[in-house]
N, C-alpha and C. Protein backbone atom coordinates (compact mmCIF):
# COMPACT_ATOMS: atom_id res chain seq x y z
N MET A 1 3.75 -4.91 3.14
CA MET A 1 4.19 -3.77 3.75
C MET A 1 3.91 -1.99 2.83
N ALA A 2 3.40 -1.62 3.45
CA ALA A 2 2.81 -0.31 2.84
C ALA A 2 4.59 0.21 2.46
N GLU A 3 4.54 1.33 1.39
CA GLU A 3 6.02 1.69 0.58
C GLU A 3 5.81 2.54 1.85
N LEU A 4 7.06 2.86 2.21
CA LEU A 4 7.69 4.25 2.56
C LEU A 4 8.13 5.39 2.18
N LYS A 5 7.60 6.35 2.65
CA LYS A 5 7.82 7.86 1.81
C LYS A 5 9.08 8.83 2.64
N LEU A 6 10.05 9.16 1.64
CA LEU A 6 10.98 10.10 2.70
C LEU A 6 10.36 11.06 3.03
N GLU A 7 8.85 12.03 3.35
CA GLU A 7 8.41 12.78 3.47
C GLU A 7 8.17 12.24 4.50
N ASP A 8 8.16 11.02 5.38
CA ASP A 8 7.36 10.24 6.55
C ASP A 8 8.74 10.38 7.66
N CYS A 9 9.75 10.71 7.51
CA CYS A 9 10.61 9.67 8.00
C CYS A 9 11.42 11.25 9.02
N ARG A 10 11.68 10.33 10.33
CA ARG A 10 11.92 11.60 11.52
C ARG A 10 13.27 12.30 11.17
N ASN A 11 14.08 11.50 9.90
CA ASN A 11 15.59 12.61 10.13
C ASN A 11 15.71 12.85 8.84
N ASP A 12 16.60 13.50 8.64
CA ASP A 12 17.14 13.90 7.25
C ASP A 12 18.77 13.60 7.23
N ARG A 13 18.88 13.01 8.18
CA ARG A 13 20.73 12.88 8.38
C ARG A 13 20.43 11.44 8.71
N CYS A 14 21.63 10.95 7.85
CA CYS A 14 22.03 8.97 8.62
C CYS A 14 22.20 8.75 9.71
N PRO A 15 22.22 8.18 10.48
CA PRO A 15 23.18 8.16 11.99
C PRO A 15 24.23 6.81 11.80
N TRP A 16 24.05 7.08 11.09
CA TRP A 16 26.01 6.12 10.46
C TRP A 16 26.44 7.08 10.24
N SER A 17 26.30 7.92 9.17
CA SER A 17 27.51 8.30 8.63
C SER A 17 27.36 9.81 8.47
N GLY A 18 25.87 10.55 9.34
CA GLY A 18 25.60 11.60 8.71
C GLY A 18 25.42 12.56 7.24
N ASP A 19 25.14 11.57 6.11
CA ASP A 19 24.79 12.39 5.01
C ASP A 19 23.15 12.59 5.09
N PRO A 20 22.94 13.31 4.09
CA PRO A 20 21.98 12.91 3.96
C PRO A 20 21.18 11.42 3.67
N VAL A 21 19.70 11.76 3.77
CA VAL A 21 19.06 10.41 3.80
C VAL A 21 18.78 10.03 2.49
N SER A 22 18.53 8.75 1.89
CA SER A 22 17.92 8.65 0.33
C SER A 22 16.20 7.68 0.73
N ALA A 23 15.77 8.49 -0.54
CA ALA A 23 14.02 7.48 -0.46
C ALA A 23 14.12 5.88 -0.28
N ASP A 24 15.61 5.31 -0.78
CA ASP A 24 15.95 4.04 -1.43
C ASP A 24 16.28 3.17 0.38
N SER A 25 16.21 3.87 1.44
CA SER A 25 16.94 3.68 1.76
C SER A 25 16.13 3.91 3.50
N LEU A 26 15.25 3.27 3.66
CA LEU A 26 14.25 3.27 4.64
C LEU A 26 13.87 2.46 5.26
N THR A 27 13.64 2.72 7.14
CA THR A 27 13.08 1.09 6.96
C THR A 27 11.89 1.63 8.57
N ILE A 28 11.27 1.36 9.44
CA ILE A 28 10.75 1.23 10.22
C ILE A 28 11.18 0.89 11.56
N TYR A 29 11.42 1.66 12.41
CA TYR A 29 11.58 1.26 13.69
C TYR A 29 11.39 1.85 14.88
N LYS A 30 10.69 0.79 15.97
CA LYS A 30 9.21 2.16 17.21
C LYS A 30 8.37 2.07 16.24
N GLY A 31 7.74 1.60 15.16
CA GLY A 31 6.89 2.44 14.44
C GLY A 31 7.30 3.81 13.94
N GLU A 32 8.24 4.25 13.70
CA GLU A 32 8.57 5.41 12.78
C GLU A 32 9.26 5.18 12.02
N VAL A 33 9.06 5.83 10.47
CA VAL A 33 10.20 5.87 9.54
C VAL A 33 11.68 6.72 9.87
N VAL A 34 12.30 5.54 9.59
CA VAL A 34 14.04 6.23 10.20
C VAL A 34 14.45 5.84 8.54
N GLY A 35 14.89 7.05 8.18
CA GLY A 35 16.32 6.97 6.93
C GLY A 35 17.68 6.85 6.85
N PHE A 36 18.48 6.47 6.28
CA PHE A 36 19.31 6.38 6.09
C PHE A 36 20.18 6.14 4.45
N CYS A 37 21.39 6.81 4.51
CA CYS A 37 21.95 7.69 3.32
C CYS A 37 21.59 6.37 2.44
N ASN A 38 21.93 5.10 2.66
CA ASN A 38 21.97 4.25 1.06
C ASN A 38 21.86 2.97 2.06
N PRO A 39 21.44 1.52 1.38
CA PRO A 39 20.95 0.37 1.85
C PRO A 39 21.94 0.02 2.82
N GLY A 40 22.63 -0.48 2.80
CA GLY A 40 24.25 -0.60 3.45
C GLY A 40 24.01 -0.14 4.98
N CYS A 41 23.76 1.06 5.34
CA CYS A 41 23.49 1.68 6.55
C CYS A 41 22.46 1.30 7.50
N ARG A 42 21.54 1.04 6.68
CA ARG A 42 20.30 0.92 6.69
C ARG A 42 20.25 -0.96 6.89
N ASP A 43 21.03 -1.45 6.32
CA ASP A 43 21.06 -2.76 6.69
C ASP A 43 21.77 -3.34 8.07
N LYS A 44 22.59 -2.69 7.93
CA LYS A 44 23.86 -2.76 9.16
C LYS A 44 22.53 -2.42 10.56
N PHE A 45 22.00 -1.33 10.40
CA PHE A 45 21.22 -0.99 11.06
C PHE A 45 19.99 -1.88 11.89
N GLU A 46 19.24 -2.26 10.37
CA GLU A 46 18.74 -3.39 11.15
C GLU A 46 19.25 -4.62 11.48
N LYS A 47 20.82 -5.16 11.41
CA LYS A 47 21.07 -6.62 11.72
C LYS A 47 21.43 -5.90 13.23
N ALA A 48 22.03 -4.90 13.49
CA ALA A 48 22.50 -4.58 14.80
C ALA A 48 20.96 -4.45 15.78
N VAL A 49 19.91 -3.58 15.09
CA VAL A 49 18.81 -4.33 16.06
C VAL A 49 18.20 -5.25 16.41
N GLN A 50 18.26 -6.31 15.76
CA GLN A 50 17.96 -7.67 15.37
C GLN A 50 18.86 -8.59 16.33
N LEU A 51 19.92 -8.32 16.37
CA LEU A 51 21.27 -8.61 17.66
C LEU A 51 20.88 -8.33 18.70
N PHE A 52 20.66 -6.88 19.16
CA PHE A 52 20.26 -6.27 20.24
C PHE A 52 19.29 -6.76 20.92
N GLU A 53 18.15 -7.40 19.85
CA GLU A 53 16.55 -7.59 20.70
C GLU A 53 16.82 -8.92 20.94
N GLN A 54 17.69 -10.06 20.60
CA GLN A 54 17.44 -11.25 20.70
C GLN A 54 18.57 -10.92 21.79
N SER A 55 19.58 -10.42 22.37
CA SER A 55 19.83 -10.64 23.56
C SER A 55 19.64 -10.01 24.86
N ILE A 56 18.45 -9.33 25.06
CA ILE A 56 17.91 -8.88 25.67
C ILE A 56 16.56 -10.34 26.48
């Protein structure tokens, strides 16, 4: 997987906490780079998406 870059991130605030995003907490969602304030928030988001997609 290619390295994710902060400058490619769609958002500047974490959707969970509202804090600024961090370069070590990026993921891909629906083809876009999405950022979170820390790896814990990123991991929580990835798990929620996985659970949702499994339920549909």
